[in-house]
């Protein structure tokens, strides 16, 4: 028995592929990174494998939506965006390279949001739309706007709630995990209510 246990431990720790799989599983369970990648792929209509490939090229998780949003607007392969980013270009510089402006990151809200969105949002509100091409957003602003759009639109979730969580210092992968869980919870409640109503209708029909 001891020999068998020792053989298993040796196999695991001497085999990089097995170690990688264990690492991935733990990461997915702890912070929902794999789920985050899958959702990005669904939203931008690209295979999850492509999202992972982009990440493996040293693009941080929170910047993945930016890569795919710019690629979608510029109608180019994400690899073209990554190539420029790895050269040290800012996201605004990359946008200008494809004749895109800060307007692509604008996300309509009913009121001026608080930090960390307020200042950047003010750039749009304080200018006429035909002047938005002069707006310069920082990398942090672009990351915030791109993830806000992705999470709010993909899950039909309140932008205010996303902003609040971001203001509290949460990373977008963690915000995604929470938003997804809340959506699933709402779906389960709705399913139970529908089932309950259906049973009530059947009982009422039986009485009539």
N, C-alpha and C. Protein backbone atom coordinates (compact mmCIF):
# COMPACT_ATOMS: atom_id res chain seq x y z
N UNK A 1 0.83 -1.21 0.00
CA UNK A 1 0.00 0.00 0.00
C UNK A 1 0.87 1.26 0.00
N UNK A 2 1.93 1.25 0.87
CA UNK A 2 2.83 2.40 0.95
C UNK A 2 3.56 2.61 -0.37
N UNK A 3 3.96 1.47 -0.99
CA UNK A 3 4.65 1.56 -2.28
C UNK A 3 3.74 2.17 -3.34
N UNK A 4 2.46 1.78 -3.31
CA UNK A 4 1.48 2.29 -4.27
C UNK A 4 1.29 3.79 -4.09
N UNK A 5 1.19 4.23 -2.82
CA UNK A 5 1.01 5.65 -2.52
C UNK A 5 2.22 6.45 -2.97
N UNK A 6 3.42 5.90 -2.70
CA UNK A 6 4.65 6.57 -3.09
C UNK A 6 4.74 6.70 -4.61
N UNK A 7 4.35 5.65 -5.32
CA UNK A 7 4.37 5.67 -6.79
C UNK A 7 3.45 6.74 -7.34
N UNK A 8 2.27 6.88 -6.73
CA UNK A 8 1.30 7.89 -7.17
C UNK A 8 1.84 9.30 -6.96
N UNK A 9 2.41 9.54 -5.77
CA UNK A 9 2.98 10.87 -5.46
C UNK A 9 4.10 11.21 -6.43
N UNK A 10 4.96 10.22 -6.69
CA UNK A 10 6.08 10.43 -7.61
C UNK A 10 5.57 10.75 -9.01
N UNK A 11 4.54 10.02 -9.44
CA UNK A 11 3.97 10.23 -10.78
C UNK A 11 3.43 11.65 -10.92
N UNK A 12 2.72 12.10 -9.89
CA UNK A 12 2.12 13.44 -9.94
C UNK A 12 3.19 14.53 -9.99
N UNK A 13 4.15 14.46 -9.10
CA UNK A 13 5.12 15.54 -8.98
C UNK A 13 6.24 15.49 -10.02
N UNK A 14 6.35 14.37 -10.71
CA UNK A 14 7.35 14.29 -11.78
C UNK A 14 6.74 14.52 -13.15
N UNK A 15 5.42 14.63 -13.22
CA UNK A 15 4.73 14.82 -14.50
C UNK A 15 4.16 16.24 -14.58
N UNK A 16 4.79 17.13 -15.37
CA UNK A 16 4.34 18.52 -15.48
C UNK A 16 2.90 18.65 -15.95
N UNK A 17 2.47 17.76 -16.84
CA UNK A 17 1.11 17.85 -17.38
C UNK A 17 0.08 17.65 -16.28
N UNK A 18 0.34 16.66 -15.40
CA UNK A 18 -0.59 16.40 -14.30
C UNK A 18 -0.59 17.57 -13.33
N UNK A 19 0.61 18.11 -13.05
CA UNK A 19 0.69 19.27 -12.17
C UNK A 19 -0.08 20.45 -12.73
N UNK A 20 0.01 20.63 -14.05
CA UNK A 20 -0.69 21.74 -14.70
C UNK A 20 -2.19 21.58 -14.55
N UNK A 21 -2.68 20.36 -14.74
CA UNK A 21 -4.12 20.11 -14.62
C UNK A 21 -4.61 20.37 -13.20
N UNK A 22 -3.80 19.95 -12.22
CA UNK A 22 -4.18 20.18 -10.83
C UNK A 22 -4.23 21.67 -10.55
N UNK A 23 -3.20 22.39 -11.05
CA UNK A 23 -3.13 23.84 -10.84
C UNK A 23 -4.33 24.54 -11.43
N UNK A 24 -4.71 24.15 -12.65
CA UNK A 24 -5.86 24.76 -13.32
C UNK A 24 -7.13 24.50 -12.53
N UNK A 25 -7.30 23.27 -12.05
CA UNK A 25 -8.50 22.94 -11.30
C UNK A 25 -8.64 23.74 -10.03
N UNK A 26 -7.54 23.90 -9.31
CA UNK A 26 -7.56 24.66 -8.07
C UNK A 26 -7.89 26.11 -8.35
N UNK A 27 -7.26 26.67 -9.41
CA UNK A 27 -7.47 28.07 -9.76
C UNK A 27 -8.92 28.32 -10.12
N UNK A 28 -9.50 27.42 -10.90
CA UNK A 28 -10.89 27.59 -11.33
C UNK A 28 -11.82 27.54 -10.14
N UNK A 29 -11.54 26.64 -9.19
CA UNK A 29 -12.40 26.50 -8.02
C UNK A 29 -12.27 27.69 -7.08
N UNK A 30 -11.06 28.24 -6.97
CA UNK A 30 -10.83 29.29 -5.98
C UNK A 30 -11.28 30.67 -6.43
N UNK A 31 -11.02 31.02 -7.69
CA UNK A 31 -11.37 32.38 -8.10
C UNK A 31 -12.19 32.47 -9.39
N UNK A 32 -12.61 31.33 -9.93
CA UNK A 32 -13.50 31.35 -11.09
C UNK A 32 -12.86 31.85 -12.38
N UNK A 33 -11.53 31.71 -12.51
CA UNK A 33 -10.85 32.22 -13.70
C UNK A 33 -11.32 31.51 -14.97
N UNK A 34 -11.43 30.18 -14.92
CA UNK A 34 -11.87 29.44 -16.11
C UNK A 34 -13.27 29.86 -16.53
N UNK A 35 -14.13 30.08 -15.56
CA UNK A 35 -15.50 30.54 -15.82
C UNK A 35 -15.49 31.93 -16.45
N UNK A 36 -14.57 32.76 -15.98
CA UNK A 36 -14.39 34.12 -16.51
C UNK A 36 -14.00 34.05 -17.99
N UNK A 37 -13.05 33.17 -18.31
CA UNK A 37 -12.61 32.99 -19.70
C UNK A 37 -13.75 32.52 -20.59
N UNK A 38 -14.51 31.54 -20.08
CA UNK A 38 -15.63 30.99 -20.84
C UNK A 38 -16.66 32.07 -21.16
N UNK A 39 -16.97 32.90 -20.18
CA UNK A 39 -17.96 33.97 -20.36
C UNK A 39 -17.47 35.01 -21.37
N UNK A 40 -16.19 35.33 -21.33
CA UNK A 40 -15.62 36.28 -22.30
C UNK A 40 -15.75 35.71 -23.70
N UNK A 41 -15.44 34.42 -23.85
CA UNK A 41 -15.57 33.76 -25.15
C UNK A 41 -17.00 33.80 -25.66
N UNK A 42 -17.96 33.56 -24.78
CA UNK A 42 -19.38 33.60 -25.16
C UNK A 42 -19.79 35.00 -25.60
N UNK A 43 -19.36 36.00 -24.84
CA UNK A 43 -19.76 37.38 -25.12
C UNK A 43 -19.20 37.89 -26.45
N UNK A 44 -17.93 37.58 -26.70
CA UNK A 44 -17.29 38.06 -27.93
C UNK A 44 -17.32 37.02 -29.06
N UNK A 45 -18.05 35.93 -28.81
CA UNK A 45 -18.24 34.91 -29.83
C UNK A 45 -16.92 34.32 -30.34
N UNK A 46 -16.05 33.99 -29.39
CA UNK A 46 -14.78 33.33 -29.74
C UNK A 46 -14.65 32.08 -28.86
N UNK A 47 -13.95 31.05 -29.33
CA UNK A 47 -13.78 29.84 -28.51
C UNK A 47 -13.01 30.15 -27.23
N UNK A 48 -13.34 29.46 -26.16
CA UNK A 48 -12.63 29.67 -24.89
C UNK A 48 -11.13 29.42 -25.06
N UNK A 49 -10.80 28.47 -25.94
CA UNK A 49 -9.39 28.14 -26.20
C UNK A 49 -8.63 29.37 -26.67
N UNK A 50 -9.29 30.20 -27.50
CA UNK A 50 -8.65 31.41 -28.02
C UNK A 50 -8.42 32.42 -26.90
N UNK A 51 -9.36 32.49 -25.96
CA UNK A 51 -9.22 33.39 -24.81
C UNK A 51 -8.01 32.97 -23.98
N UNK A 52 -7.87 31.67 -23.76
CA UNK A 52 -6.75 31.14 -22.98
C UNK A 52 -5.42 31.40 -23.69
N UNK A 53 -5.41 31.26 -25.01
CA UNK A 53 -4.19 31.52 -25.80
C UNK A 53 -3.76 32.97 -25.63
N UNK A 54 -4.73 33.88 -25.66
CA UNK A 54 -4.42 35.31 -25.48
C UNK A 54 -3.83 35.53 -24.09
N UNK A 55 -4.42 34.90 -23.10
CA UNK A 55 -3.93 35.05 -21.72
C UNK A 55 -2.51 34.51 -21.59
N UNK A 56 -2.23 33.40 -22.27
CA UNK A 56 -0.91 32.79 -22.19
C UNK A 56 0.18 33.68 -22.80
N UNK A 57 -0.25 34.67 -23.57
CA UNK A 57 0.72 35.60 -24.16
C UNK A 57 0.93 36.81 -23.24
N UNK A 58 0.76 36.57 -21.96
CA UNK A 58 1.04 37.54 -20.89
C UNK A 58 0.09 38.73 -20.87
N UNK A 59 -1.15 38.50 -21.31
CA UNK A 59 -2.19 39.51 -21.19
C UNK A 59 -2.97 39.19 -19.91
N UNK A 60 -2.98 40.09 -18.92
CA UNK A 60 -3.69 39.83 -17.66
C UNK A 60 -5.18 39.58 -17.88
N UNK A 61 -5.78 38.80 -17.00
CA UNK A 61 -7.20 38.43 -17.13
C UNK A 61 -8.11 39.64 -17.31
N UNK A 62 -7.89 40.69 -16.53
CA UNK A 62 -8.78 41.85 -16.57
C UNK A 62 -8.67 42.64 -17.88
N UNK A 63 -7.61 42.36 -18.66
CA UNK A 63 -7.43 43.07 -19.92
C UNK A 63 -7.91 42.26 -21.13
N UNK A 64 -8.34 41.03 -20.88
CA UNK A 64 -8.84 40.18 -21.97
C UNK A 64 -10.04 40.79 -22.69
N UNK A 65 -11.05 41.33 -21.96
CA UNK A 65 -12.18 41.95 -22.66
C UNK A 65 -11.76 43.12 -23.55
N UNK A 66 -10.70 43.83 -23.13
CA UNK A 66 -10.21 44.96 -23.93
C UNK A 66 -9.67 44.46 -25.27
N UNK A 67 -8.88 43.40 -25.21
CA UNK A 67 -8.31 42.81 -26.44
C UNK A 67 -9.41 42.46 -27.43
N UNK A 68 -10.42 41.75 -26.94
CA UNK A 68 -11.48 41.28 -27.84
C UNK A 68 -12.43 42.40 -28.28
N UNK A 69 -12.61 43.41 -27.43
CA UNK A 69 -13.46 44.53 -27.83
C UNK A 69 -12.80 45.34 -28.95
N UNK A 70 -11.50 45.62 -28.80
CA UNK A 70 -10.79 46.37 -29.84
C UNK A 70 -10.72 45.55 -31.12
N UNK A 71 -10.41 44.25 -31.00
CA UNK A 71 -10.33 43.38 -32.17
C UNK A 71 -11.66 43.34 -32.92
N UNK A 72 -12.76 43.28 -32.16
CA UNK A 72 -14.10 43.25 -32.76
C UNK A 72 -14.39 44.54 -33.51
N UNK A 73 -14.08 45.68 -32.88
CA UNK A 73 -14.35 46.98 -33.50
C UNK A 73 -13.44 47.24 -34.70
N UNK A 74 -12.19 46.79 -34.60
CA UNK A 74 -11.23 47.01 -35.68
C UNK A 74 -11.36 45.95 -36.77
N UNK A 75 -12.12 44.88 -36.47
CA UNK A 75 -12.30 43.75 -37.39
C UNK A 75 -10.96 43.13 -37.77
N UNK A 76 -10.17 42.87 -36.73
CA UNK A 76 -8.87 42.22 -36.93
C UNK A 76 -8.75 41.03 -35.97
N UNK A 77 -7.77 40.19 -36.21
CA UNK A 77 -7.51 39.06 -35.32
C UNK A 77 -6.94 39.58 -34.00
N UNK A 78 -7.36 39.01 -32.87
CA UNK A 78 -6.83 39.46 -31.57
C UNK A 78 -5.30 39.46 -31.51
N UNK A 79 -4.66 38.58 -32.28
CA UNK A 79 -3.19 38.52 -32.26
C UNK A 79 -2.57 39.84 -32.71
N UNK A 80 -3.27 40.57 -33.59
CA UNK A 80 -2.77 41.88 -34.04
C UNK A 80 -2.77 42.88 -32.90
N UNK A 81 -3.76 42.79 -32.03
CA UNK A 81 -3.86 43.67 -30.87
C UNK A 81 -2.77 43.32 -29.86
N UNK A 82 -2.60 42.02 -29.62
CA UNK A 82 -1.61 41.55 -28.64
C UNK A 82 -0.21 41.96 -29.06
N UNK A 83 0.08 41.84 -30.33
CA UNK A 83 1.41 42.18 -30.85
C UNK A 83 1.78 43.62 -30.50
N UNK A 84 0.82 44.54 -30.68
CA UNK A 84 1.07 45.95 -30.38
C UNK A 84 1.17 46.18 -28.87
N UNK A 85 0.35 45.47 -28.12
CA UNK A 85 0.37 45.62 -26.66
C UNK A 85 1.71 45.16 -26.09
N UNK A 86 2.23 44.06 -26.61
CA UNK A 86 3.50 43.53 -26.12
C UNK A 86 4.68 44.40 -26.53
N UNK A 87 4.44 45.31 -27.47
CA UNK A 87 5.48 46.28 -27.85
C UNK A 87 5.52 47.45 -26.87
N UNK A 88 4.54 47.47 -25.95
CA UNK A 88 4.51 48.53 -24.95
C UNK A 88 3.54 49.65 -25.23
N UNK A 89 2.70 49.49 -26.25
CA UNK A 89 1.73 50.53 -26.59
C UNK A 89 0.58 50.56 -25.59
N UNK A 90 0.06 51.77 -25.31
CA UNK A 90 -1.11 51.89 -24.44
C UNK A 90 -2.33 51.46 -25.23
N UNK A 91 -3.45 51.25 -24.52
CA UNK A 91 -4.67 50.84 -25.22
C UNK A 91 -5.17 51.94 -26.15
N UNK A 92 -5.00 53.21 -25.76
CA UNK A 92 -5.42 54.31 -26.64
C UNK A 92 -4.55 54.36 -27.89
N UNK A 93 -3.28 54.12 -27.74
CA UNK A 93 -2.37 54.12 -28.89
C UNK A 93 -2.75 52.99 -29.86
N UNK A 94 -3.11 51.86 -29.30
CA UNK A 94 -3.53 50.73 -30.14
C UNK A 94 -4.82 51.08 -30.88
N UNK A 95 -5.75 51.73 -30.18
CA UNK A 95 -7.01 52.15 -30.82
C UNK A 95 -6.73 53.08 -31.99
N UNK A 96 -5.88 54.07 -31.76
CA UNK A 96 -5.56 55.03 -32.83
C UNK A 96 -4.90 54.34 -34.02
N UNK A 97 -4.13 53.30 -33.74
CA UNK A 97 -3.49 52.54 -34.81
C UNK A 97 -4.51 51.95 -35.78
N UNK A 98 -5.73 51.68 -35.26
CA UNK A 98 -6.81 51.12 -36.08
C UNK A 98 -7.92 52.14 -36.35
N UNK A 99 -7.56 53.43 -36.19
CA UNK A 99 -8.52 54.53 -36.43
C UNK A 99 -9.76 54.43 -35.55
N UNK A 100 -9.56 53.99 -34.33
CA UNK A 100 -10.65 53.92 -33.36
C UNK A 100 -10.43 55.00 -32.30
N UNK A 101 -11.51 55.45 -31.69
CA UNK A 101 -11.42 56.48 -30.65
C UNK A 101 -11.96 55.95 -29.33
N UNK A 102 -11.90 56.80 -28.31
CA UNK A 102 -12.39 56.42 -26.98
C UNK A 102 -13.88 56.13 -26.98
N UNK A 103 -14.58 56.58 -28.02
CA UNK A 103 -16.03 56.39 -28.10
C UNK A 103 -16.44 54.92 -28.01
N UNK A 104 -15.57 54.02 -28.48
CA UNK A 104 -15.94 52.60 -28.48
C UNK A 104 -16.10 52.05 -27.06
N UNK A 105 -15.53 52.76 -26.08
CA UNK A 105 -15.60 52.28 -24.70
C UNK A 105 -16.72 52.93 -23.90
N UNK A 106 -17.39 53.92 -24.50
CA UNK A 106 -18.46 54.62 -23.78
C UNK A 106 -19.61 53.67 -23.48
N UNK A 107 -20.09 53.75 -22.26
CA UNK A 107 -21.21 52.90 -21.83
C UNK A 107 -22.27 53.79 -21.20
N UNK A 108 -23.44 53.82 -21.81
CA UNK A 108 -24.53 54.70 -21.36
C UNK A 108 -25.02 54.32 -19.96
N UNK A 109 -25.12 55.33 -19.09
CA UNK A 109 -25.66 55.13 -17.74
C UNK A 109 -26.64 56.25 -17.43
N UNK A 110 -27.55 55.98 -16.50
CA UNK A 110 -28.60 56.95 -16.18
C UNK A 110 -28.11 58.13 -15.36
N UNK A 111 -26.95 57.99 -14.75
CA UNK A 111 -26.41 59.07 -13.92
C UNK A 111 -24.89 58.98 -13.93
N UNK A 112 -24.25 60.03 -13.45
CA UNK A 112 -22.79 60.00 -13.38
C UNK A 112 -22.35 59.02 -12.30
N UNK A 113 -21.56 58.03 -12.66
CA UNK A 113 -21.14 57.02 -11.68
C UNK A 113 -20.05 57.57 -10.76
N UNK A 114 -19.89 56.88 -9.65
CA UNK A 114 -18.83 57.26 -8.73
C UNK A 114 -17.51 56.64 -9.15
N UNK A 115 -16.48 56.78 -8.32
CA UNK A 115 -15.18 56.20 -8.64
C UNK A 115 -15.26 54.67 -8.71
N UNK A 116 -14.44 54.03 -9.53
CA UNK A 116 -13.36 54.63 -10.33
C UNK A 116 -13.78 55.05 -11.74
N UNK A 117 -15.08 55.29 -11.96
CA UNK A 117 -15.58 55.61 -13.30
C UNK A 117 -15.89 57.09 -13.51
N UNK A 118 -16.15 57.80 -12.43
CA UNK A 118 -16.67 59.16 -12.52
C UNK A 118 -15.87 60.12 -13.37
N UNK A 119 -14.57 60.20 -13.14
CA UNK A 119 -13.72 61.14 -13.87
C UNK A 119 -13.70 60.84 -15.36
N UNK A 120 -13.52 59.57 -15.71
CA UNK A 120 -13.48 59.17 -17.12
C UNK A 120 -14.83 59.40 -17.79
N UNK A 121 -15.91 59.11 -17.07
CA UNK A 121 -17.26 59.31 -17.61
C UNK A 121 -17.50 60.79 -17.88
N UNK A 122 -16.91 61.63 -17.04
CA UNK A 122 -17.05 63.08 -17.20
C UNK A 122 -16.45 63.57 -18.51
N UNK A 123 -15.41 62.89 -19.01
CA UNK A 123 -14.81 63.28 -20.30
C UNK A 123 -15.85 63.24 -21.41
N UNK A 124 -16.73 62.25 -21.35
CA UNK A 124 -17.78 62.11 -22.37
C UNK A 124 -18.91 63.11 -22.14
N UNK A 125 -19.33 63.25 -20.90
CA UNK A 125 -20.47 64.11 -20.58
C UNK A 125 -20.16 65.59 -20.76
N UNK A 126 -18.90 65.96 -20.63
CA UNK A 126 -18.52 67.37 -20.74
C UNK A 126 -18.14 67.79 -22.16
N UNK A 127 -18.29 66.88 -23.11
CA UNK A 127 -17.99 67.20 -24.51
C UNK A 127 -19.16 66.81 -25.40
N UNK A 128 -19.28 67.51 -26.51
CA UNK A 128 -20.27 67.12 -27.51
C UNK A 128 -19.77 65.84 -28.17
N UNK A 129 -20.70 65.05 -28.69
CA UNK A 129 -20.32 63.75 -29.25
C UNK A 129 -19.31 63.88 -30.39
N UNK A 130 -19.40 64.94 -31.16
CA UNK A 130 -18.45 65.09 -32.28
C UNK A 130 -17.04 65.46 -31.80
N UNK A 131 -16.89 65.62 -30.47
CA UNK A 131 -15.57 65.91 -29.91
C UNK A 131 -14.99 64.72 -29.13
N UNK A 132 -15.74 63.63 -29.12
CA UNK A 132 -15.28 62.47 -28.37
C UNK A 132 -14.01 61.86 -28.95
N UNK A 133 -13.73 62.16 -30.20
CA UNK A 133 -12.51 61.62 -30.81
C UNK A 133 -11.25 62.25 -30.21
N UNK A 134 -11.43 63.31 -29.40
CA UNK A 134 -10.28 63.98 -28.76
C UNK A 134 -10.03 63.45 -27.35
N UNK A 135 -10.93 62.62 -26.87
CA UNK A 135 -10.81 62.10 -25.50
C UNK A 135 -9.66 61.10 -25.39
N UNK A 136 -8.88 61.25 -24.34
CA UNK A 136 -7.79 60.32 -24.05
C UNK A 136 -8.13 59.59 -22.74
N UNK A 137 -8.25 58.30 -22.81
CA UNK A 137 -8.52 57.49 -21.62
C UNK A 137 -7.24 56.75 -21.19
N UNK A 138 -7.07 56.59 -19.91
CA UNK A 138 -5.92 55.83 -19.41
C UNK A 138 -6.18 54.34 -19.59
N UNK A 139 -5.15 53.54 -19.46
CA UNK A 139 -5.32 52.08 -19.54
C UNK A 139 -6.32 51.60 -18.49
N UNK A 140 -6.21 52.15 -17.28
CA UNK A 140 -7.12 51.74 -16.20
C UNK A 140 -8.57 52.07 -16.54
N UNK A 141 -8.80 53.24 -17.13
CA UNK A 141 -10.16 53.64 -17.53
C UNK A 141 -10.73 52.66 -18.55
N UNK A 142 -9.91 52.32 -19.53
CA UNK A 142 -10.36 51.43 -20.61
C UNK A 142 -10.66 50.03 -20.07
N UNK A 143 -9.82 49.54 -19.19
CA UNK A 143 -10.05 48.23 -18.57
C UNK A 143 -11.37 48.24 -17.79
N UNK A 144 -11.60 49.32 -17.05
CA UNK A 144 -12.84 49.44 -16.26
C UNK A 144 -14.08 49.49 -17.15
N UNK A 145 -14.04 50.30 -18.20
CA UNK A 145 -15.20 50.44 -19.09
C UNK A 145 -15.47 49.14 -19.86
N UNK A 146 -14.43 48.51 -20.35
CA UNK A 146 -14.59 47.30 -21.15
C UNK A 146 -15.20 46.16 -20.32
N UNK A 147 -14.73 46.01 -19.09
CA UNK A 147 -15.27 44.97 -18.21
C UNK A 147 -16.68 45.30 -17.74
N UNK A 148 -16.97 46.59 -17.55
CA UNK A 148 -18.31 47.01 -17.15
C UNK A 148 -19.32 46.63 -18.24
N UNK A 149 -18.96 46.90 -19.48
CA UNK A 149 -19.83 46.55 -20.61
C UNK A 149 -20.04 45.04 -20.68
N UNK A 150 -18.95 44.30 -20.62
CA UNK A 150 -19.02 42.84 -20.71
C UNK A 150 -19.93 42.25 -19.63
N UNK A 151 -19.70 42.62 -18.37
CA UNK A 151 -20.48 42.04 -17.27
C UNK A 151 -21.93 42.48 -17.27
N UNK A 152 -22.17 43.77 -17.55
CA UNK A 152 -23.54 44.30 -17.51
C UNK A 152 -24.39 43.75 -18.65
N UNK A 153 -23.82 43.74 -19.85
CA UNK A 153 -24.58 43.30 -21.03
C UNK A 153 -24.72 41.78 -21.05
N UNK A 154 -23.64 41.06 -20.79
CA UNK A 154 -23.67 39.60 -20.87
C UNK A 154 -24.65 38.98 -19.87
N UNK A 155 -24.72 39.56 -18.68
CA UNK A 155 -25.58 39.00 -17.64
C UNK A 155 -26.83 39.82 -17.36
N UNK A 156 -27.01 40.92 -18.10
CA UNK A 156 -28.16 41.78 -17.85
C UNK A 156 -28.13 42.30 -16.42
N UNK A 157 -26.93 42.62 -15.95
CA UNK A 157 -26.73 43.00 -14.55
C UNK A 157 -26.61 44.51 -14.41
N UNK A 158 -27.00 45.02 -13.26
CA UNK A 158 -26.96 46.46 -12.99
C UNK A 158 -25.53 47.01 -13.04
N UNK A 159 -25.26 47.99 -13.91
CA UNK A 159 -23.93 48.61 -13.96
C UNK A 159 -23.54 49.21 -12.62
N UNK A 160 -24.53 49.75 -11.90
CA UNK A 160 -24.26 50.36 -10.59
C UNK A 160 -23.67 49.35 -9.61
N UNK A 161 -24.17 48.11 -9.67
CA UNK A 161 -23.67 47.08 -8.76
C UNK A 161 -22.24 46.69 -9.11
N UNK A 162 -21.96 46.62 -10.42
CA UNK A 162 -20.60 46.29 -10.87
C UNK A 162 -19.64 47.39 -10.42
N UNK A 163 -20.06 48.65 -10.61
CA UNK A 163 -19.24 49.80 -10.22
C UNK A 163 -18.97 49.79 -8.71
N UNK A 164 -20.00 49.46 -7.94
CA UNK A 164 -19.87 49.43 -6.48
C UNK A 164 -18.83 48.39 -6.06
N UNK A 165 -18.90 47.20 -6.67
CA UNK A 165 -17.95 46.14 -6.33
C UNK A 165 -16.53 46.52 -6.74
N UNK A 166 -16.42 47.18 -7.90
CA UNK A 166 -15.10 47.62 -8.36
C UNK A 166 -14.54 48.69 -7.43
N UNK A 167 -15.41 49.59 -7.00
CA UNK A 167 -15.01 50.66 -6.07
C UNK A 167 -14.50 50.07 -4.76
N UNK A 168 -15.05 48.93 -4.37
CA UNK A 168 -14.64 48.27 -3.13
C UNK A 168 -13.35 47.46 -3.30
N UNK A 169 -12.75 47.55 -4.48
CA UNK A 169 -11.45 46.92 -4.70
C UNK A 169 -11.46 45.51 -5.25
N UNK A 170 -12.63 45.03 -5.68
CA UNK A 170 -12.70 43.67 -6.21
C UNK A 170 -12.15 43.59 -7.63
N UNK A 171 -11.47 42.48 -7.92
CA UNK A 171 -11.00 42.24 -9.28
C UNK A 171 -12.18 41.78 -10.13
N UNK A 172 -12.05 41.98 -11.44
CA UNK A 172 -13.18 41.67 -12.31
C UNK A 172 -13.51 40.18 -12.37
N UNK A 173 -12.51 39.32 -12.22
CA UNK A 173 -12.80 37.87 -12.19
C UNK A 173 -13.66 37.53 -10.98
N UNK A 174 -13.38 38.19 -9.84
CA UNK A 174 -14.17 37.97 -8.62
C UNK A 174 -15.57 38.56 -8.78
N UNK A 175 -15.65 39.73 -9.42
CA UNK A 175 -16.95 40.35 -9.68
C UNK A 175 -17.78 39.44 -10.57
N UNK A 176 -17.14 38.89 -11.60
CA UNK A 176 -17.82 37.98 -12.52
C UNK A 176 -18.39 36.78 -11.78
N UNK A 177 -17.59 36.21 -10.89
CA UNK A 177 -18.02 35.04 -10.13
C UNK A 177 -19.27 35.36 -9.31
N UNK A 178 -19.28 36.54 -8.70
CA UNK A 178 -20.43 36.95 -7.88
C UNK A 178 -21.66 37.24 -8.73
N UNK A 179 -21.45 37.94 -9.84
CA UNK A 179 -22.56 38.28 -10.74
C UNK A 179 -23.20 37.01 -11.30
N UNK A 180 -22.35 36.07 -11.73
CA UNK A 180 -22.85 34.81 -12.29
C UNK A 180 -23.65 34.02 -11.25
N UNK A 181 -23.13 33.99 -10.02
CA UNK A 181 -23.82 33.26 -8.94
C UNK A 181 -25.19 33.88 -8.64
N UNK A 182 -25.25 35.21 -8.65
CA UNK A 182 -26.52 35.89 -8.37
C UNK A 182 -27.52 35.64 -9.49
N UNK A 183 -27.02 35.62 -10.73
CA UNK A 183 -27.91 35.36 -11.86
C UNK A 183 -28.47 33.94 -11.78
N UNK A 184 -27.60 33.00 -11.43
CA UNK A 184 -28.03 31.60 -11.29
C UNK A 184 -29.07 31.47 -10.17
N UNK A 185 -28.85 32.20 -9.08
CA UNK A 185 -29.78 32.16 -7.95
C UNK A 185 -31.15 32.71 -8.36
N UNK A 186 -31.14 33.83 -9.10
CA UNK A 186 -32.40 34.42 -9.57
C UNK A 186 -33.13 33.46 -10.51
N UNK A 187 -32.36 32.78 -11.34
CA UNK A 187 -32.94 31.83 -12.30
C UNK A 187 -33.60 30.66 -11.57
N UNK A 188 -32.94 30.20 -10.51
CA UNK A 188 -33.49 29.09 -9.73
C UNK A 188 -34.78 29.49 -9.02
N UNK A 189 -34.81 30.71 -8.49
CA UNK A 189 -36.01 31.21 -7.82
C UNK A 189 -37.16 31.33 -8.82
N UNK A 190 -36.85 31.88 -10.00
CA UNK A 190 -37.86 32.03 -11.05
C UNK A 190 -38.41 30.67 -11.47
N UNK A 191 -37.51 29.69 -11.55
CA UNK A 191 -37.90 28.33 -11.94
C UNK A 191 -38.85 27.73 -10.90
N UNK A 192 -38.54 27.95 -9.62
CA UNK A 192 -39.39 27.43 -8.54
C UNK A 192 -40.77 28.08 -8.55
N UNK A 193 -40.79 29.41 -8.79
CA UNK A 193 -42.07 30.14 -8.84
C UNK A 193 -42.93 29.65 -10.00
N UNK A 194 -42.28 29.46 -11.16
CA UNK A 194 -42.99 28.97 -12.35
C UNK A 194 -43.57 27.58 -12.09
N UNK A 195 -42.77 26.72 -11.46
CA UNK A 195 -43.21 25.36 -11.14
C UNK A 195 -44.38 25.38 -10.16
N UNK A 196 -44.29 26.27 -9.17
CA UNK A 196 -45.34 26.40 -8.17
C UNK A 196 -46.64 26.89 -8.80
N UNK A 197 -46.52 27.88 -9.70
CA UNK A 197 -47.70 28.42 -10.39
C UNK A 197 -48.35 27.37 -11.28
N UNK A 198 -47.50 26.57 -11.93
CA UNK A 198 -47.99 25.51 -12.82
C UNK A 198 -48.79 24.47 -12.03
N UNK A 199 -48.28 24.11 -10.84
CA UNK A 199 -48.99 23.15 -9.99
C UNK A 199 -50.32 23.72 -9.52
N UNK A 200 -50.32 25.01 -9.19
CA UNK A 200 -51.55 25.67 -8.72
C UNK A 200 -52.60 25.69 -9.82
N UNK A 201 -52.15 25.93 -11.06
CA UNK A 201 -53.07 25.94 -12.21
C UNK A 201 -53.69 24.56 -12.42
N UNK A 202 -52.88 23.52 -12.27
CA UNK A 202 -53.37 22.14 -12.44
C UNK A 202 -54.40 21.79 -11.37
N UNK A 203 -54.13 22.25 -10.14
CA UNK A 203 -55.08 21.99 -9.05
C UNK A 203 -56.41 22.70 -9.29
N UNK A 204 -56.32 23.95 -9.76
CA UNK A 204 -57.53 24.74 -10.03
C UNK A 204 -58.36 24.13 -11.15
N UNK A 205 -57.65 23.60 -12.16
CA UNK A 205 -58.36 22.95 -13.28
C UNK A 205 -59.07 21.69 -12.80
N UNK A 206 -58.42 20.98 -11.86
CA UNK A 206 -59.01 19.75 -11.34
C UNK A 206 -60.27 20.01 -10.52
N UNK A 207 -60.32 21.18 -9.88
CA UNK A 207 -61.49 21.54 -9.06
C UNK A 207 -62.68 21.97 -9.91
N UNK A 208 -62.37 22.55 -11.09
CA UNK A 208 -63.46 23.07 -11.94
C UNK A 208 -64.13 21.96 -12.75
